[in-house]
Amino acid sequence: MVRLFGVSLAAADSPLPFDAKLSDGAEIPLGRFRLKVVHTPGHTPGSCSFLLEGEGERKLFTGDTLFAGSIGRTDLEGGDTEQELESIRTRLLTLDPDTPVFPGHGPQTRIGVEAAGNPWLQ
């Protein structure tokens, strides 16, 4: 049994091939769970967050888009601060406030905590 951020995932006997392009809204089955692709451009044009759902649980993996008390940098090629803020406001902050957020760096947080107190989002 594999555990991913406190969620038990059934381990496959062998790696499963995946040869499709990820697109916004795509759902990837993971045993009893599904991983939904949420396109969140801004950090880079192709930035995506991933919403893991199943068995009454929901967890959001934001990579370098949203951090506890901050957002991802946008000074790299293709980065766009306004686009990143728009992605966060329209794609992430619309989720249930109790949704746990697991950023690519730093501590975990919750959507409601970021909506209420992240200085970049005020």
PDB file of N, CA and C in Angstrom:
ATOM      1  N   MET A   1       0.856  -1.181   0.000  1.00  0.00           N
ATOM      2  CA  MET A   1       0.000   0.000   0.000  1.00  0.00           C
ATOM      3  C   MET A   1       0.897   1.238   0.000  1.00  0.00           C
ATOM      4  N   VAL A   2       0.629   2.159  -0.889  1.00  0.00           N
ATOM      5  CA  VAL A   2       1.355   3.412  -0.992  1.00  0.00           C
ATOM      6  C   VAL A   2       0.533   4.500  -0.333  1.00  0.00           C
ATOM      7  N   ARG A   3       1.205   5.383   0.418  1.00  0.00           N
ATOM      8  CA  ARG A   3       0.511   6.510   1.037  1.00  0.00           C
ATOM      9  C   ARG A   3       1.037   7.795   0.406  1.00  0.00           C
ATOM     10  N   LEU A   4       0.124   8.647  -0.003  1.00  0.00           N
ATOM     11  CA  LEU A   4       0.472   9.926  -0.607  1.00  0.00           C
ATOM     12  C   LEU A   4      -0.203  11.008   0.214  1.00  0.00           C
ATOM     13  N   PHE A   5       0.567  11.751   0.998  1.00  0.00           N
ATOM     14  CA  PHE A   5       0.042  12.809   1.854  1.00  0.00           C
ATOM     15  C   PHE A   5      -1.138  12.332   2.683  1.00  0.00           C
ATOM     16  N   GLY A   6      -0.970  11.156   3.292  1.00  0.00           N
ATOM     17  CA  GLY A   6      -1.995  10.643   4.183  1.00  0.00           C
ATOM     18  C   GLY A   6      -3.115   9.891   3.506  1.00  0.00           C
ATOM     19  N   VAL A   7      -3.059   9.736   2.187  1.00  0.00           N
ATOM     20  CA  VAL A   7      -4.091   9.003   1.456  1.00  0.00           C
ATOM     21  C   VAL A   7      -3.491   7.678   1.012  1.00  0.00           C
ATOM     22  N   SER A   8      -4.165   6.568   1.316  1.00  0.00           N
ATOM     23  CA  SER A   8      -3.686   5.258   0.898  1.00  0.00           C
ATOM     24  C   SER A   8      -4.063   5.010  -0.553  1.00  0.00           C
ATOM     25  N   LEU A   9      -3.088   4.642  -1.340  1.00  0.00           N
ATOM     26  CA  LEU A   9      -3.307   4.320  -2.747  1.00  0.00           C
ATOM     27  C   LEU A   9      -2.861   2.879  -2.961  1.00  0.00           C
ATOM     28  N   ALA A  10      -3.674   2.113  -3.639  1.00  0.00           N
ATOM     29  CA  ALA A  10      -3.293   0.744  -3.934  1.00  0.00           C
ATOM     30  C   ALA A  10      -2.121   0.756  -4.913  1.00  0.00           C
ATOM     31  N   ALA A  11      -1.070   0.019  -4.585  1.00  0.00           N
ATOM     32  CA  ALA A  11       0.108  -0.033  -5.451  1.00  0.00           C
ATOM     33  C   ALA A  11      -0.156  -0.976  -6.626  1.00  0.00           C
ATOM     34  N   ALA A  12       0.244  -0.552  -7.809  1.00  0.00           N
ATOM     35  CA  ALA A  12       0.090  -1.393  -8.992  1.00  0.00           C
ATOM     36  C   ALA A  12       1.214  -2.422  -9.018  1.00  0.00           C
ATOM     37  N   ASP A  13       0.960  -3.577  -9.635  1.00  0.00           N
ATOM     38  CA  ASP A  13       1.995  -4.600  -9.766  1.00  0.00           C
ATOM     39  C   ASP A  13       3.149  -4.108 -10.619  1.00  0.00           C
ATOM     40  N   SER A  14       2.845  -3.285 -11.600  1.00  0.00           N
ATOM     41  CA  SER A  14       3.866  -2.697 -12.449  1.00  0.00           C
ATOM     42  C   SER A  14       3.412  -1.290 -12.824  1.00  0.00           C
ATOM     43  N   PRO A  15       4.343  -0.429 -13.189  1.00  0.00           N
ATOM     44  CA  PRO A  15       3.953   0.937 -13.558  1.00  0.00           C
ATOM     45  C   PRO A  15       2.933   0.931 -14.687  1.00  0.00           C
ATOM     46  N   LEU A  16       1.994   1.819 -14.605  1.00  0.00           N
ATOM     47  CA  LEU A  16       0.979   1.946 -15.647  1.00  0.00           C
ATOM     48  C   LEU A  16       1.454   2.943 -16.687  1.00  0.00           C
ATOM     49  N   PRO A  17       1.353   2.619 -17.960  1.00  0.00           N
ATOM     50  CA  PRO A  17       1.779   3.572 -18.985  1.00  0.00           C
ATOM     51  C   PRO A  17       0.799   4.735 -19.059  1.00  0.00           C
ATOM     52  N   PHE A  18       1.339   5.910 -19.316  1.00  0.00           N
ATOM     53  CA  PHE A  18       0.493   7.083 -19.500  1.00  0.00           C
ATOM     54  C   PHE A  18       1.117   7.899 -20.613  1.00  0.00           C
ATOM     55  N   ASP A  19       0.456   7.965 -21.741  1.00  0.00           N
ATOM     56  CA  ASP A  19       1.038   8.630 -22.892  1.00  0.00           C
ATOM     57  C   ASP A  19       0.113   9.672 -23.498  1.00  0.00           C
ATOM     58  N   ALA A  20      -0.698  10.286 -22.660  1.00  0.00           N
ATOM     59  CA  ALA A  20      -1.615  11.312 -23.146  1.00  0.00           C
ATOM     60  C   ALA A  20      -1.166  12.682 -22.645  1.00  0.00           C
ATOM     61  N   LYS A  21      -1.529  13.713 -23.369  1.00  0.00           N
ATOM     62  CA  LYS A  21      -1.260  15.070 -22.915  1.00  0.00           C
ATOM     63  C   LYS A  21      -2.258  15.409 -21.825  1.00  0.00           C
ATOM     64  N   LEU A  22      -1.793  16.139 -20.825  1.00  0.00           N
ATOM     65  CA  LEU A  22      -2.690  16.589 -19.769  1.00  0.00           C
ATOM     66  C   LEU A  22      -3.407  17.844 -20.242  1.00  0.00           C
ATOM     67  N   SER A  23      -4.694  17.905 -20.001  1.00  0.00           N
ATOM     68  CA  SER A  23      -5.458  19.094 -20.349  1.00  0.00           C
ATOM     69  C   SER A  23      -6.373  19.451 -19.185  1.00  0.00           C
ATOM     70  N   ASP A  24      -6.754  20.694 -19.123  1.00  0.00           N
ATOM     71  CA  ASP A  24      -7.603  21.170 -18.040  1.00  0.00           C
ATOM     72  C   ASP A  24      -8.857  20.312 -17.935  1.00  0.00           C
ATOM     73  N   GLY A  25      -9.139  19.869 -16.731  1.00  0.00           N
ATOM     74  CA  GLY A  25     -10.331  19.071 -16.485  1.00  0.00           C
ATOM     75  C   GLY A  25     -10.135  17.578 -16.673  1.00  0.00           C
ATOM     76  N   ALA A  26      -9.002  17.177 -17.233  1.00  0.00           N
ATOM     77  CA  ALA A  26      -8.744  15.745 -17.416  1.00  0.00           C
ATOM     78  C   ALA A  26      -8.697  15.063 -16.058  1.00  0.00           C
ATOM     79  N   GLU A  27      -9.177  13.831 -16.013  1.00  0.00           N
ATOM     80  CA  GLU A  27      -9.162  13.063 -14.771  1.00  0.00           C
ATOM     81  C   GLU A  27      -8.354  11.795 -14.982  1.00  0.00           C
ATOM     82  N   ILE A  28      -7.427  11.569 -14.075  1.00  0.00           N
ATOM     83  CA  ILE A  28      -6.552  10.408 -14.130  1.00  0.00           C
ATOM     84  C   ILE A  28      -6.966   9.469 -13.008  1.00  0.00           C
ATOM     85  N   PRO A  29      -7.396   8.249 -13.323  1.00  0.00           N
ATOM     86  CA  PRO A  29      -7.788   7.324 -12.265  1.00  0.00           C
ATOM     87  C   PRO A  29      -6.570   6.800 -11.511  1.00  0.00           C
ATOM     88  N   LEU A  30      -6.687   6.774 -10.183  1.00  0.00           N
ATOM     89  CA  LEU A  30      -5.642   6.243  -9.306  1.00  0.00           C
ATOM     90  C   LEU A  30      -6.311   5.302  -8.312  1.00  0.00           C
ATOM     91  N   GLY A  31      -6.540   4.096  -8.698  1.00  0.00           N
ATOM     92  CA  GLY A  31      -7.233   3.158  -7.819  1.00  0.00           C
ATOM     93  C   GLY A  31      -8.618   3.680  -7.493  1.00  0.00           C
ATOM     94  N   ARG A  32      -8.900   3.859  -6.216  1.00  0.00           N
ATOM     95  CA  ARG A  32     -10.208   4.365  -5.773  1.00  0.00           C
ATOM     96  C   ARG A  32     -10.281   5.896  -5.803  1.00  0.00           C
ATOM     97  N   PHE A  33      -9.235   6.526  -6.295  1.00  0.00           N
ATOM     98  CA  PHE A  33      -9.158   7.982  -6.343  1.00  0.00           C
ATOM     99  C   PHE A  33      -9.061   8.441  -7.789  1.00  0.00           C
ATOM    100  N   ARG A  34      -9.237   9.740  -7.983  1.00  0.00           N
ATOM    101  CA  ARG A  34      -9.004  10.330  -9.294  1.00  0.00           C
ATOM    102  C   ARG A  34      -8.238  11.632  -9.078  1.00  0.00           C
ATOM    103  N   LEU A  35      -7.370  11.920 -10.016  1.00  0.00           N
ATOM    104  CA  LEU A  35      -6.561  13.121  -9.976  1.00  0.00           C
ATOM    105  C   LEU A  35      -7.037  14.014 -11.104  1.00  0.00           C
ATOM    106  N   LYS A  36      -7.571  15.166 -10.758  1.00  0.00           N
ATOM    107  CA  LYS A  36      -8.117  16.090 -11.749  1.00  0.00           C
ATOM    108  C   LYS A  36      -7.087  17.178 -12.045  1.00  0.00           C
ATOM    109  N   VAL A  37      -6.876  17.430 -13.333  1.00  0.00           N
ATOM    110  CA  VAL A  37      -5.954  18.464 -13.784  1.00  0.00           C
ATOM    111  C   VAL A  37      -6.663  19.815 -13.744  1.00  0.00           C
ATOM    112  N   VAL A  38      -6.028  20.796 -13.087  1.00  0.00           N
ATOM    113  CA  VAL A  38      -6.560  22.157 -13.017  1.00  0.00           C
ATOM    114  C   VAL A  38      -5.487  23.082 -13.596  1.00  0.00           C
ATOM    115  N   HIS A  39      -5.713  23.565 -14.812  1.00  0.00           N
ATOM    116  CA  HIS A  39      -4.733  24.446 -15.457  1.00  0.00           C
ATOM    117  C   HIS A  39      -4.701  25.779 -14.712  1.00  0.00           C
ATOM    118  N   THR A  40      -3.521  26.124 -14.191  1.00  0.00           N
ATOM    119  CA  THR A  40      -3.361  27.358 -13.413  1.00  0.00           C
ATOM    120  C   THR A  40      -2.162  28.138 -13.949  1.00  0.00           C
ATOM    121  N   PRO A  41      -2.269  28.691 -15.162  1.00  0.00           N
ATOM    122  CA  PRO A  41      -1.134  29.414 -15.740  1.00  0.00           C
ATOM    123  C   PRO A  41      -0.787  30.662 -14.947  1.00  0.00           C
ATOM    124  N   GLY A  42       0.471  31.049 -15.066  1.00  0.00           N
ATOM    125  CA  GLY A  42       0.960  32.255 -14.401  1.00  0.00           C
ATOM    126  C   GLY A  42       2.400  32.057 -13.980  1.00  0.00           C
ATOM    127  N   HIS A  43       2.662  31.069 -13.142  1.00  0.00           N
ATOM    128  CA  HIS A  43       4.054  30.755 -12.792  1.00  0.00           C
ATOM    129  C   HIS A  43       4.798  30.419 -14.085  1.00  0.00           C
ATOM    130  N   THR A  44       4.177  29.580 -14.897  1.00  0.00           N
ATOM    131  CA  THR A  44       4.585  29.310 -16.276  1.00  0.00           C
ATOM    132  C   THR A  44       3.289  29.179 -17.078  1.00  0.00           C
ATOM    133  N   PRO A  45       3.356  29.280 -18.392  1.00  0.00           N
ATOM    134  CA  PRO A  45       2.124  29.147 -19.180  1.00  0.00           C
ATOM    135  C   PRO A  45       1.421  27.803 -18.991  1.00  0.00           C
ATOM    136  N   GLY A  46       2.162  26.744 -18.752  1.00  0.00           N
ATOM    137  CA  GLY A  46       1.570  25.420 -18.626  1.00  0.00           C
ATOM    138  C   GLY A  46       1.371  24.941 -17.202  1.00  0.00           C
ATOM    139  N   SER A  47       1.518  25.815 -16.229  1.00  0.00           N
ATOM    140  CA  SER A  47       1.375  25.392 -14.824  1.00  0.00           C
ATOM    141  C   SER A  47       0.032  24.740 -14.573  1.00  0.00           C
ATOM    142  N   CYS A  48       0.076  23.660 -13.815  1.00  0.00           N
ATOM    143  CA  CYS A  48      -1.141  22.946 -13.442  1.00  0.00           C
ATOM    144  C   CYS A  48      -1.116  22.636 -11.961  1.00  0.00           C
ATOM    145  N   SER A  49      -2.284  22.610 -11.370  1.00  0.00           N
ATOM    146  CA  SER A  49      -2.481  22.095 -10.026  1.00  0.00           C
ATOM    147  C   SER A  49      -3.237  20.786 -10.197  1.00  0.00           C
ATOM    148  N   PHE A  50      -3.220  19.968  -9.170  1.00  0.00           N
ATOM    149  CA  PHE A  50      -3.865  18.663  -9.262  1.00  0.00           C
ATOM    150  C   PHE A  50      -4.745  18.442  -8.049  1.00  0.00           C
ATOM    151  N   LEU A  51      -5.999  18.113  -8.287  1.00  0.00           N
ATOM    152  CA  LEU A  51      -6.975  17.885  -7.235  1.00  0.00           C
ATOM    153  C   LEU A  51      -7.207  16.384  -7.104  1.00  0.00           C
ATOM    154  N   LEU A  52      -6.798  15.836  -5.963  1.00  0.00           N
ATOM    155  CA  LEU A  52      -6.982  14.413  -5.688  1.00  0.00           C
ATOM    156  C   LEU A  52      -8.284  14.247  -4.929  1.00  0.00           C
ATOM    157  N   GLU A  53      -9.194  13.434  -5.474  1.00  0.00           N
ATOM    158  CA  GLU A  53     -10.499  13.227  -4.854  1.00  0.00           C
ATOM    159  C   GLU A  53     -10.825  11.748  -4.781  1.00  0.00           C
ATOM    160  N   GLY A  54     -11.535  11.372  -3.720  1.00  0.00           N
ATOM    161  CA  GLY A  54     -12.010  10.007  -3.582  1.00  0.00           C
ATOM    162  C   GLY A  54     -12.237   9.660  -2.130  1.00  0.00           C
ATOM    163  N   GLU A  55     -13.157   8.747  -1.913  1.00  0.00           N
ATOM    164  CA  GLU A  55     -13.484   8.274  -0.566  1.00  0.00           C
ATOM    165  C   GLU A  55     -13.758   9.422   0.404  1.00  0.00           C
ATOM    166  N   GLY A  56     -14.446  10.452  -0.096  1.00  0.00           N
ATOM    167  CA  GLY A  56     -14.807  11.583   0.744  1.00  0.00           C
ATOM    168  C   GLY A  56     -13.660  12.519   1.069  1.00  0.00           C
ATOM    169  N   GLU A  57     -12.528  12.335   0.423  1.00  0.00           N
ATOM    170  CA  GLU A  57     -11.365  13.194   0.666  1.00  0.00           C
ATOM    171  C   GLU A  57     -11.074  14.042  -0.551  1.00  0.00           C
ATOM    172  N   ARG A  58     -10.441  15.174  -0.295  1.00  0.00           N
ATOM    173  CA  ARG A  58     -10.027  16.084  -1.355  1.00  0.00           C
ATOM    174  C   ARG A  58      -8.729  16.742  -0.908  1.00  0.00           C
ATOM    175  N   LYS A  59      -7.736  16.717  -1.783  1.00  0.00           N
ATOM    176  CA  LYS A  59      -6.450  17.359  -1.508  1.00  0.00           C
ATOM    177  C   LYS A  59      -5.978  18.038  -2.781  1.00  0.00           C
ATOM    178  N   LEU A  60      -5.440  19.239  -2.627  1.00  0.00           N
ATOM    179  CA  LEU A  60      -4.999  20.024  -3.770  1.00  0.00           C
ATOM    180  C   LEU A  60      -3.483  20.158  -3.753  1.00  0.00           C
ATOM    181  N   PHE A  61      -2.851  19.795  -4.853  1.00  0.00           N
ATOM    182  CA  PHE A  61      -1.407  19.918  -5.016  1.00  0.00           C
ATOM    183  C   PHE A  61      -1.168  21.076  -5.986  1.00  0.00           C
ATOM    184  N   THR A  62      -0.571  22.170  -5.477  1.00  0.00           N
ATOM    185  CA  THR A  62      -0.479  23.399  -6.262  1.00  0.00           C
ATOM    186  C   THR A  62       0.886  23.653  -6.893  1.00  0.00           C
ATOM    187  N   GLY A  63       1.841  22.787  -6.665  1.00  0.00           N
ATOM    188  CA  GLY A  63       3.162  23.016  -7.248  1.00  0.00           C
ATOM    189  C   GLY A  63       3.695  24.379  -6.848  1.00  0.00           C
ATOM    190  N   ASP A  64       4.098  25.184  -7.830  1.00  0.00           N
ATOM    191  CA  ASP A  64       4.645  26.515  -7.557  1.00  0.00           C
ATOM    192  C   ASP A  64       3.653  27.632  -7.850  1.00  0.00           C
ATOM    193  N   THR A  65       2.354  27.331  -7.818  1.00  0.00           N
ATOM    194  CA  THR A  65       1.341  28.361  -8.059  1.00  0.00           C
ATOM    195  C   THR A  65       0.929  29.051  -6.768  1.00  0.00           C
ATOM    196  N   LEU A  66       0.586  28.277  -5.749  1.00  0.00           N
ATOM    197  CA  LEU A  66       0.093  28.838  -4.486  1.00  0.00           C
ATOM    198  C   LEU A  66       0.851  28.216  -3.328  1.00  0.00           C
ATOM    199  N   PHE A  67       1.349  29.084  -2.439  1.00  0.00           N
ATOM    200  CA  PHE A  67       2.060  28.665  -1.230  1.00  0.00           C
ATOM    201  C   PHE A  67       1.315  29.176  -0.006  1.00  0.00           C
ATOM    202  N   ALA A  68       1.677  28.685   1.152  1.00  0.00           N
ATOM    203  CA  ALA A  68       1.136  29.216   2.398  1.00  0.00           C
ATOM    204  C   ALA A  68       1.628  30.655   2.548  1.00  0.00           C
ATOM    205  N   GLY A  69       0.729  31.611   2.409  1.00  0.00           N
ATOM    206  CA  GLY A  69       1.072  33.026   2.568  1.00  0.00           C
ATOM    207  C   GLY A  69       1.772  33.670   1.388  1.00  0.00           C
ATOM    208  N   SER A  70       1.823  32.991   0.256  1.00  0.00           N
ATOM    209  CA  SER A  70       2.519  33.564  -0.888  1.00  0.00           C
ATOM    210  C   SER A  70       2.025  32.914  -2.185  1.00  0.00           C
ATOM    211  N   ILE A  71       2.638  33.335  -3.288  1.00  0.00           N
ATOM    212  CA  ILE A  71       2.367  32.732  -4.597  1.00  0.00           C
ATOM    213  C   ILE A  71       3.706  32.423  -5.244  1.00  0.00           C
ATOM    214  N   GLY A  72       3.665  31.680  -6.342  1.00  0.00           N
ATOM    215  CA  GLY A  72       4.888  31.338  -7.044  1.00  0.00           C
ATOM    216  C   GLY A  72       5.481  32.518  -7.788  1.00  0.00           C
ATOM    217  N   ARG A  73       6.772  32.440  -8.003  1.00  0.00           N
ATOM    218  CA  ARG A  73       7.452  33.513  -8.722  1.00  0.00           C
ATOM    219  C   ARG A  73       7.009  33.546 -10.177  1.00  0.00           C
ATOM    220  N   THR A  74       7.044  34.726 -10.753  1.00  0.00           N
ATOM    221  CA  THR A  74       6.615  34.890 -12.145  1.00  0.00           C
ATOM    222  C   THR A  74       7.664  35.625 -12.978  1.00  0.00           C
ATOM    223  N   ASP A  75       8.893  35.695 -12.463  1.00  0.00           N
ATOM    224  CA  ASP A  75       9.932  36.427 -13.172  1.00  0.00           C
ATOM    225  C   ASP A  75      10.714  35.559 -14.162  1.00  0.00           C
ATOM    226  N   LEU A  76      10.296  34.304 -14.318  1.00  0.00           N
ATOM    227  CA  LEU A  76      10.935  33.436 -15.297  1.00  0.00           C
ATOM    228  C   LEU A  76      10.238  33.580 -16.646  1.00  0.00           C
ATOM    229  N   GLU A  77      10.860  33.072 -17.709  1.00  0.00           N
ATOM    230  CA  GLU A  77      10.282  33.186 -19.049  1.00  0.00           C
ATOM    231  C   GLU A  77       8.864  32.628 -19.088  1.00  0.00           C
ATOM    232  N   GLY A  78       7.924  33.435 -19.555  1.00  0.00           N
ATOM    233  CA  GLY A  78       6.528  33.017 -19.665  1.00  0.00           C
ATOM    234  C   GLY A  78       5.701  33.284 -18.429  1.00  0.00           C
ATOM    235  N   GLY A  79       6.337  33.699 -17.333  1.00  0.00           N
ATOM    236  CA  GLY A  79       5.604  33.988 -16.104  1.00  0.00           C
ATOM    237  C   GLY A  79       4.790  35.266 -16.227  1.00  0.00           C
ATOM    238  N   ASP A  80       3.664  35.316 -15.521  1.00  0.00           N
ATOM    239  CA  ASP A  80       2.776  36.475 -15.592  1.00  0.00           C
ATOM    240  C   ASP A  80       2.020  36.581 -14.275  1.00  0.00           C
ATOM    241  N   THR A  81       2.351  37.588 -13.485  1.00  0.00           N
ATOM    242  CA  THR A  81       1.771  37.742 -12.153  1.00  0.00           C
ATOM    243  C   THR A  81       0.257  37.884 -12.205  1.00  0.00           C
ATOM    244  N   GLU A  82      -0.250  38.741 -13.074  1.00  0.00           N
ATOM    245  CA  GLU A  82      -1.704  38.941 -13.141  1.00  0.00           C
ATOM    246  C   GLU A  82      -2.422  37.656 -13.547  1.00  0.00           C
ATOM    247  N   GLN A  83      -1.834  36.926 -14.467  1.00  0.00           N
ATOM    248  CA  GLN A  83      -2.438  35.664 -14.893  1.00  0.00           C
ATOM    249  C   GLN A  83      -2.419  34.649 -13.749  1.00  0.00           C
ATOM    250  N   GLU A  84      -1.332  34.619 -12.992  1.00  0.00           N
ATOM    251  CA  GLU A  84      -1.255  33.699 -11.854  1.00  0.00           C
ATOM    252  C   GLU A  84      -2.306  34.044 -10.801  1.00  0.00           C
ATOM    253  N   LEU A  85      -2.445  35.317 -10.486  1.00  0.00           N
ATOM    254  CA  LEU A  85      -3.459  35.741  -9.517  1.00  0.00           C
ATOM    255  C   LEU A  85      -4.859  35.395 -10.006  1.00  0.00           C
ATOM    256  N   GLU A  86      -5.116  35.598 -11.291  1.00  0.00           N
ATOM    257  CA  GLU A  86      -6.419  35.239 -11.870  1.00  0.00           C
ATOM    258  C   GLU A  86      -6.666  33.733 -11.770  1.00  0.00           C
ATOM    259  N   SER A  87      -5.639  32.944 -12.061  1.00  0.00           N
ATOM    260  CA  SER A  87      -5.761  31.487 -11.935  1.00  0.00           C
ATOM    261  C   SER A  87      -6.111  31.083 -10.506  1.00  0.00           C
ATOM    262  N   ILE A  88      -5.423  31.675  -9.555  1.00  0.00           N
ATOM    263  CA  ILE A  88      -5.656  31.336  -8.146  1.00  0.00           C
ATOM    264  C   ILE A  88      -7.075  31.728  -7.748  1.00  0.00           C
ATOM    265  N   ARG A  89      -7.470  32.949  -8.098  1.00  0.00           N
ATOM    266  CA  ARG A  89      -8.802  33.435  -7.697  1.00  0.00           C
ATOM    267  C   ARG A  89      -9.948  32.645  -8.342  1.00  0.00           C
ATOM    268  N   THR A  90      -9.794  32.315  -9.620  1.00  0.00           N
ATOM    269  CA  THR A  90     -10.910  31.681 -10.332  1.00  0.00           C
ATOM    270  C   THR A  90     -10.871  30.162 -10.339  1.00  0.00           C
ATOM    271  N   ARG A  91      -9.702  29.564 -10.160  1.00  0.00           N
ATOM    272  CA  ARG A  91      -9.580  28.110 -10.263  1.00  0.00           C
ATOM    273  C   ARG A  91      -9.353  27.432  -8.920  1.00  0.00           C
ATOM    274  N   LEU A  92      -8.716  28.126  -7.966  1.00  0.00           N
ATOM    275  CA  LEU A  92      -8.382  27.490  -6.698  1.00  0.00           C
ATOM    276  C   LEU A  92      -9.230  27.992  -5.536  1.00  0.00           C
ATOM    277  N   LEU A  93      -9.381  29.305  -5.418  1.00  0.00           N
ATOM    278  CA  LEU A  93     -10.145  29.848  -4.288  1.00  0.00           C
ATOM    279  C   LEU A  93     -11.631  29.531  -4.380  1.00  0.00           C
ATOM    280  N   THR A  94     -12.080  29.000  -5.503  1.00  0.00           N
ATOM    281  CA  THR A  94     -13.480  28.601  -5.652  1.00  0.00           C
ATOM    282  C   THR A  94     -13.744  27.218  -5.050  1.00  0.00           C
ATOM    283  N   LEU A  95     -12.680  26.529  -4.670  1.00  0.00           N
ATOM    284  CA  LEU A  95     -12.829  25.215  -4.032  1.00  0.00           C
ATOM    285  C   LEU A  95     -13.301  25.389  -2.594  1.00  0.00           C
ATOM    286  N   ASP A  96     -13.780  24.311  -2.002  1.00  0.00           N
ATOM    287  CA  ASP A  96     -14.210  24.316  -0.605  1.00  0.00           C
ATOM    288  C   ASP A  96     -13.096  24.895   0.268  1.00  0.00           C
ATOM    289  N   PRO A  97     -13.413  25.844   1.164  1.00  0.00           N
ATOM    290  CA  PRO A  97     -12.397  26.471   2.013  1.00  0.00           C
ATOM    291  C   PRO A  97     -11.610  25.478   2.871  1.00  0.00           C
ATOM    292  N   ASP A  98     -12.185  24.327   3.162  1.00  0.00           N
ATOM    293  CA  ASP A  98     -11.499  23.331   3.978  1.00  0.00           C
ATOM    294  C   ASP A  98     -10.544  22.453   3.178  1.00  0.00           C
ATOM    295  N   THR A  99     -10.457  22.661   1.871  1.00  0.00           N
ATOM    296  CA  THR A  99      -9.572  21.843   1.047  1.00  0.00           C
ATOM    297  C   THR A  99      -8.118  22.046   1.462  1.00  0.00           C
ATOM    298  N   PRO A 100      -7.430  20.961   1.845  1.00  0.00           N
ATOM    299  CA  PRO A 100      -6.003  21.077   2.175  1.00  0.00           C
ATOM    300  C   PRO A 100      -5.195  21.345   0.913  1.00  0.00           C
ATOM    301  N   VAL A 101      -4.189  22.204   1.056  1.00  0.00           N
ATOM    302  CA  VAL A 101      -3.323  22.584  -0.055  1.00  0.00           C
ATOM    303  C   VAL A 101      -1.908  22.105   0.260  1.00  0.00           C
ATOM    304  N   PHE A 102      -1.318  21.391  -0.702  1.00  0.00           N
ATOM    305  CA  PHE A 102       0.051  20.915  -0.586  1.00  0.00           C
ATOM    306  C   PHE A 102       0.881  21.590  -1.683  1.00  0.00           C
ATOM    307  N   PRO A 103       1.588  22.671  -1.323  1.00  0.00           N
ATOM    308  CA  PRO A 103       2.405  23.384  -2.307  1.00  0.00           C
ATOM    309  C   PRO A 103       3.663  22.588  -2.660  1.00  0.00           C
ATOM    310  N   GLY A 104       4.331  23.033  -3.712  1.00  0.00           N
ATOM    311  CA  GLY A 104       5.586  22.415  -4.104  1.00  0.00           C
ATOM    312  C   GLY A 104       6.703  22.660  -3.113  1.00  0.00           C
ATOM    313  N   HIS A 105       6.577  23.691  -2.296  1.00  0.00           N
ATOM    314  CA  HIS A 105       7.576  24.034  -1.286  1.00  0.00           C
ATOM    315  C   HIS A 105       6.849  24.528  -0.041  1.00  0.00           C
ATOM    316  N   GLY A 106       7.446  24.326   1.108  1.00  0.00           N
ATOM    317  CA  GLY A 106       6.916  24.893   2.347  1.00  0.00           C
ATOM    318  C   GLY A 106       5.766  24.102   2.936  1.00  0.00           C
ATOM    319  N   PRO A 107       5.163  24.691   3.979  1.00  0.00           N
ATOM    320  CA  PRO A 107       4.122  23.974   4.720  1.00  0.00           C
ATOM    321  C   PRO A 107       2.803  23.899   3.968  1.00  0.00           C
ATOM    322  N   GLN A 108       2.007  22.911   4.348  1.00  0.00           N
ATOM    323  CA  GLN A 108       0.665  22.811   3.787  1.00  0.00           C
ATOM    324  C   GLN A 108      -0.212  23.892   4.385  1.00  0.00           C
ATOM    325  N   THR A 109      -1.338  24.153   3.734  1.00  0.00           N
ATOM    326  CA  THR A 109      -2.271  25.169   4.182  1.00  0.00           C
ATOM    327  C   THR A 109      -3.672  24.715   3.774  1.00  0.00           C
ATOM    328  N   ARG A 110      -4.625  25.611   3.796  1.00  0.00           N
ATOM    329  CA  ARG A 110      -5.996  25.324   3.349  1.00  0.00           C
ATOM    330  C   ARG A 110      -6.458  26.477   2.471  1.00  0.00           C
ATOM    331  N   ILE A 111      -7.369  26.175   1.555  1.00  0.00           N
ATOM    332  CA  ILE A 111      -7.897  27.197   0.646  1.00  0.00           C
ATOM    333  C   ILE A 111      -8.459  28.380   1.431  1.00  0.00           C
ATOM    334  N   GLY A 112      -9.271  28.122   2.464  1.00  0.00           N
ATOM    335  CA  GLY A 112      -9.874  29.207   3.241  1.00  0.00           C
ATOM    336  C   GLY A 112      -8.857  30.082   3.950  1.00  0.00           C
ATOM    337  N   VAL A 113      -7.783  29.478   4.422  1.00  0.00           N
ATOM    338  CA  VAL A 113      -6.714  30.236   5.088  1.00  0.00           C
ATOM    339  C   VAL A 113      -6.072  31.195   4.098  1.00  0.00           C
ATOM    340  N   GLU A 114      -5.817  30.703   2.889  1.00  0.00           N
ATOM    341  CA  GLU A 114      -5.195  31.557   1.875  1.00  0.00           C
ATOM    342  C   GLU A 114      -6.153  32.641   1.391  1.00  0.00           C
ATOM    343  N   ALA A 115      -7.404  32.302   1.220  1.00  0.00           N
ATOM    344  CA  ALA A 115      -8.393  33.295   0.788  1.00  0.00           C
ATOM    345  C   ALA A 115      -8.505  34.425   1.798  1.00  0.00           C
ATOM    346  N   ALA A 116      -8.402  34.097   3.066  1.00  0.00           N
ATOM    347  CA  ALA A 116      -8.586  35.098   4.125  1.00  0.00           C
ATOM    348  C   ALA A 116      -7.305  35.864   4.459  1.00  0.00           C
ATOM    349  N   GLY A 117      -6.139  35.248   4.288  1.00  0.00           N
ATOM    350  CA  GLY A 117      -4.946  35.895   4.828  1.00  0.00           C
ATOM    351  C   GLY A 117      -3.742  35.999   3.934  1.00  0.00           C
ATOM    352  N   ASN A 118      -3.754  35.434   2.754  1.00  0.00           N
ATOM    353  CA  ASN A 118      -2.586  35.522   1.881  1.00  0.00           C
ATOM    354  C   ASN A 118      -2.500  36.954   1.368  1.00  0.00           C
ATOM    355  N   PRO A 119      -1.414  37.693   1.684  1.00  0.00           N
ATOM    356  CA  PRO A 119      -1.342  39.104   1.291  1.00  0.00           C
ATOM    357  C   PRO A 119      -1.374  39.335  -0.215  1.00  0.00           C
ATOM    358  N   TRP A 120      -0.964  38.374  -1.016  1.00  0.00           N
ATOM    359  CA  TRP A 120      -1.008  38.507  -2.469  1.00  0.00           C
ATOM    360  C   TRP A 120      -2.429  38.466  -3.011  1.00  0.00           C
ATOM    361  N   LEU A 121      -3.351  37.941  -2.209  1.00  0.00           N
ATOM    362  CA  LEU A 121      -4.719  37.725  -2.682  1.00  0.00           C
ATOM    363  C   LEU A 121      -5.720  38.724  -2.103  1.00  0.00           C
ATOM    364  N   GLN A 122      -5.229  39.698  -1.385  1.00  0.00           N
ATOM    365  CA  GLN A 122      -6.120  40.680  -0.738  1.00  0.00           C
ATOM    366  C   GLN A 122      -6.396  41.864  -1.646  1.00  0.00           C
TER     367      GLN A 122
END
